[in-house]
Amino acid sequence: MVVAHPEFVIDEHQNRKAVLLPYEEWRNIVEEMEELADIKAYDEAKASPSDFLPFEDERSFCR
């Protein structure tokens, strides 16, 4: 789990307009998002059946 320590940029009406994070926290968030995207892609690939060629099959190299 990523722990964040955000600082907010506010406008003249005290509305939050932007967030500042320490760089390492930002990198951790990006890494977590990439990992979640990989998990989602894996789950989607497993859910849709498809034909496959064994790695040892020479024809798989001729595509």
N, C-alpha and C. Protein backbone atom coordinates (compact mmCIF):
# COMPACT_ATOMS: atom_id res chain seq x y z
N MET A 1 0.84 -1.18 0.00
CA MET A 1 0.00 0.00 0.00
C MET A 1 0.89 1.24 0.00
N VAL A 2 0.49 2.21 -0.77
CA VAL A 2 1.25 3.45 -0.89
C VAL A 2 0.73 4.45 0.14
N VAL A 3 1.64 5.03 0.87
CA VAL A 3 1.29 6.09 1.80
C VAL A 3 1.69 7.41 1.15
N ALA A 4 0.74 8.35 1.09
CA ALA A 4 1.01 9.62 0.44
C ALA A 4 0.91 10.75 1.45
N HIS A 5 1.72 11.76 1.24
CA HIS A 5 1.71 12.97 2.05
C HIS A 5 1.50 14.16 1.12
N PRO A 6 0.25 14.34 0.67
CA PRO A 6 0.01 15.39 -0.33
C PRO A 6 0.02 16.80 0.28
N GLU A 7 0.40 17.74 -0.56
CA GLU A 7 0.25 19.16 -0.26
C GLU A 7 -0.65 19.70 -1.37
N PHE A 8 -1.59 20.54 -1.01
CA PHE A 8 -2.55 21.03 -1.99
C PHE A 8 -2.25 22.46 -2.39
N VAL A 9 -2.43 22.72 -3.68
CA VAL A 9 -2.35 24.08 -4.22
C VAL A 9 -3.79 24.57 -4.29
N ILE A 10 -4.05 25.71 -3.69
CA ILE A 10 -5.42 26.23 -3.66
C ILE A 10 -5.49 27.59 -4.37
N ASP A 11 -6.68 27.90 -4.85
CA ASP A 11 -6.87 29.18 -5.52
C ASP A 11 -7.34 30.23 -4.51
N GLU A 12 -7.68 31.40 -5.02
CA GLU A 12 -8.08 32.50 -4.14
C GLU A 12 -9.39 32.23 -3.39
N HIS A 13 -10.16 31.24 -3.85
CA HIS A 13 -11.42 30.87 -3.19
C HIS A 13 -11.27 29.63 -2.31
N GLN A 14 -10.03 29.24 -2.06
CA GLN A 14 -9.70 28.07 -1.24
C GLN A 14 -10.13 26.74 -1.87
N ASN A 15 -10.30 26.72 -3.20
CA ASN A 15 -10.59 25.48 -3.92
C ASN A 15 -9.27 24.79 -4.25
N ARG A 16 -9.22 23.50 -4.03
CA ARG A 16 -8.02 22.73 -4.38
C ARG A 16 -7.88 22.64 -5.89
N LYS A 17 -6.72 23.00 -6.39
CA LYS A 17 -6.47 23.02 -7.83
C LYS A 17 -5.42 22.01 -8.26
N ALA A 18 -4.52 21.62 -7.37
CA ALA A 18 -3.45 20.70 -7.72
C ALA A 18 -2.93 20.05 -6.44
N VAL A 19 -2.16 18.98 -6.66
CA VAL A 19 -1.57 18.24 -5.55
C VAL A 19 -0.07 18.11 -5.78
N LEU A 20 0.70 18.31 -4.75
CA LEU A 20 2.14 18.11 -4.79
C LEU A 20 2.46 16.89 -3.92
N LEU A 21 3.28 16.01 -4.47
CA LEU A 21 3.74 14.84 -3.73
C LEU A 21 5.25 14.75 -3.79
N PRO A 22 5.87 14.21 -2.76
CA PRO A 22 7.30 13.92 -2.89
C PRO A 22 7.51 12.96 -4.06
N TYR A 23 8.62 13.13 -4.75
CA TYR A 23 8.88 12.36 -5.97
C TYR A 23 8.80 10.86 -5.72
N GLU A 24 9.39 10.37 -4.64
CA GLU A 24 9.39 8.92 -4.37
C GLU A 24 7.96 8.40 -4.17
N GLU A 25 7.11 9.18 -3.53
CA GLU A 25 5.71 8.76 -3.37
C GLU A 25 5.03 8.68 -4.73
N TRP A 26 5.31 9.65 -5.59
CA TRP A 26 4.74 9.63 -6.94
C TRP A 26 5.20 8.38 -7.70
N ARG A 27 6.50 8.08 -7.63
CA ARG A 27 7.03 6.89 -8.32
C ARG A 27 6.35 5.62 -7.80
N ASN A 28 6.14 5.54 -6.50
CA ASN A 28 5.47 4.37 -5.92
C ASN A 28 4.04 4.24 -6.44
N ILE A 29 3.35 5.36 -6.55
CA ILE A 29 1.98 5.33 -7.07
C ILE A 29 1.98 4.86 -8.53
N VAL A 30 2.89 5.39 -9.32
CA VAL A 30 2.98 4.99 -10.74
C VAL A 30 3.29 3.50 -10.85
N GLU A 31 4.21 3.00 -10.05
CA GLU A 31 4.54 1.57 -10.08
C GLU A 31 3.33 0.72 -9.71
N GLU A 32 2.57 1.13 -8.70
CA GLU A 32 1.36 0.40 -8.30
C GLU A 32 0.33 0.40 -9.44
N MET A 33 0.17 1.54 -10.11
CA MET A 33 -0.77 1.63 -11.22
C MET A 33 -0.35 0.71 -12.37
N GLU A 34 0.95 0.67 -12.65
CA GLU A 34 1.45 -0.20 -13.72
C GLU A 34 1.22 -1.67 -13.36
N GLU A 35 1.43 -2.01 -12.11
CA GLU A 35 1.21 -3.40 -11.68
C GLU A 35 -0.26 -3.77 -11.79
N LEU A 36 -1.15 -2.86 -11.40
CA LEU A 36 -2.58 -3.12 -11.53
C LEU A 36 -2.99 -3.28 -13.00
N ALA A 37 -2.40 -2.49 -13.88
CA ALA A 37 -2.69 -2.61 -15.31
C ALA A 37 -2.22 -3.97 -15.83
N ASP A 38 -1.06 -4.43 -15.37
CA ASP A 38 -0.57 -5.75 -15.77
C ASP A 38 -1.50 -6.85 -15.29
N ILE A 39 -1.95 -6.74 -14.06
CA ILE A 39 -2.87 -7.74 -13.50
C ILE A 39 -4.17 -7.76 -14.29
N LYS A 40 -4.69 -6.58 -14.63
CA LYS A 40 -5.92 -6.50 -15.41
C LYS A 40 -5.73 -7.14 -16.79
N ALA A 41 -4.62 -6.84 -17.45
CA ALA A 41 -4.35 -7.42 -18.77
C ALA A 41 -4.23 -8.93 -18.68
N TYR A 42 -3.58 -9.43 -17.64
CA TYR A 42 -3.45 -10.88 -17.44
C TYR A 42 -4.83 -11.50 -17.25
N ASP A 43 -5.66 -10.89 -16.38
CA ASP A 43 -7.00 -11.42 -16.13
C ASP A 43 -7.83 -11.44 -17.42
N GLU A 44 -7.73 -10.39 -18.22
CA GLU A 44 -8.47 -10.33 -19.48
C GLU A 44 -7.98 -11.40 -20.45
N ALA A 45 -6.68 -11.62 -20.50
CA ALA A 45 -6.12 -12.63 -21.39
C ALA A 45 -6.56 -14.03 -20.97
N LYS A 46 -6.59 -14.28 -19.68
CA LYS A 46 -7.00 -15.58 -19.18
C LYS A 46 -8.50 -15.82 -19.41
N ALA A 47 -9.29 -14.76 -19.42
CA ALA A 47 -10.74 -14.88 -19.57
C ALA A 47 -11.15 -15.18 -21.00
N SER A 48 -10.32 -14.82 -21.97
CA SER A 48 -10.69 -15.06 -23.37
C SER A 48 -9.85 -16.22 -23.92
N PRO A 49 -10.51 -17.32 -24.19
CA PRO A 49 -9.76 -18.48 -24.72
C PRO A 49 -9.18 -18.17 -26.10
N SER A 50 -8.03 -18.70 -26.34
CA SER A 50 -7.40 -18.52 -27.65
C SER A 50 -6.53 -19.73 -27.94
N ASP A 51 -6.24 -19.90 -29.22
CA ASP A 51 -5.35 -20.98 -29.62
C ASP A 51 -3.92 -20.56 -29.30
N PHE A 52 -3.09 -21.52 -29.01
CA PHE A 52 -1.70 -21.21 -28.75
C PHE A 52 -0.83 -22.27 -29.39
N LEU A 53 0.39 -21.89 -29.67
CA LEU A 53 1.39 -22.81 -30.20
C LEU A 53 2.42 -23.04 -29.11
N PRO A 54 2.78 -24.27 -28.89
CA PRO A 54 3.84 -24.52 -27.91
C PRO A 54 5.12 -23.82 -28.34
N PHE A 55 5.91 -23.37 -27.40
CA PHE A 55 7.15 -22.68 -27.70
C PHE A 55 8.08 -23.54 -28.53
N GLU A 56 8.05 -24.82 -28.29
CA GLU A 56 8.93 -25.74 -28.98
C GLU A 56 8.56 -25.92 -30.46
N ASP A 57 7.36 -25.52 -30.83
CA ASP A 57 6.89 -25.67 -32.21
C ASP A 57 7.62 -24.67 -33.10
N GLU A 58 8.37 -25.17 -34.08
CA GLU A 58 9.16 -24.33 -34.97
C GLU A 58 8.30 -23.30 -35.71
N ARG A 59 7.08 -23.66 -36.01
CA ARG A 59 6.23 -22.74 -36.77
C ARG A 59 5.98 -21.46 -36.01
N SER A 60 6.08 -21.47 -34.69
CA SER A 60 5.85 -20.25 -33.92
C SER A 60 6.90 -19.20 -34.22
N PHE A 61 8.06 -19.60 -34.75
CA PHE A 61 9.11 -18.64 -35.09
C PHE A 61 8.95 -18.06 -36.48
N CYS A 62 8.07 -18.63 -37.30
CA CYS A 62 7.95 -18.22 -38.69
C CYS A 62 6.81 -17.23 -38.92
N ARG A 63 6.25 -16.69 -37.90
CA ARG A 63 5.12 -15.77 -38.06
C ARG A 63 5.56 -14.40 -38.44
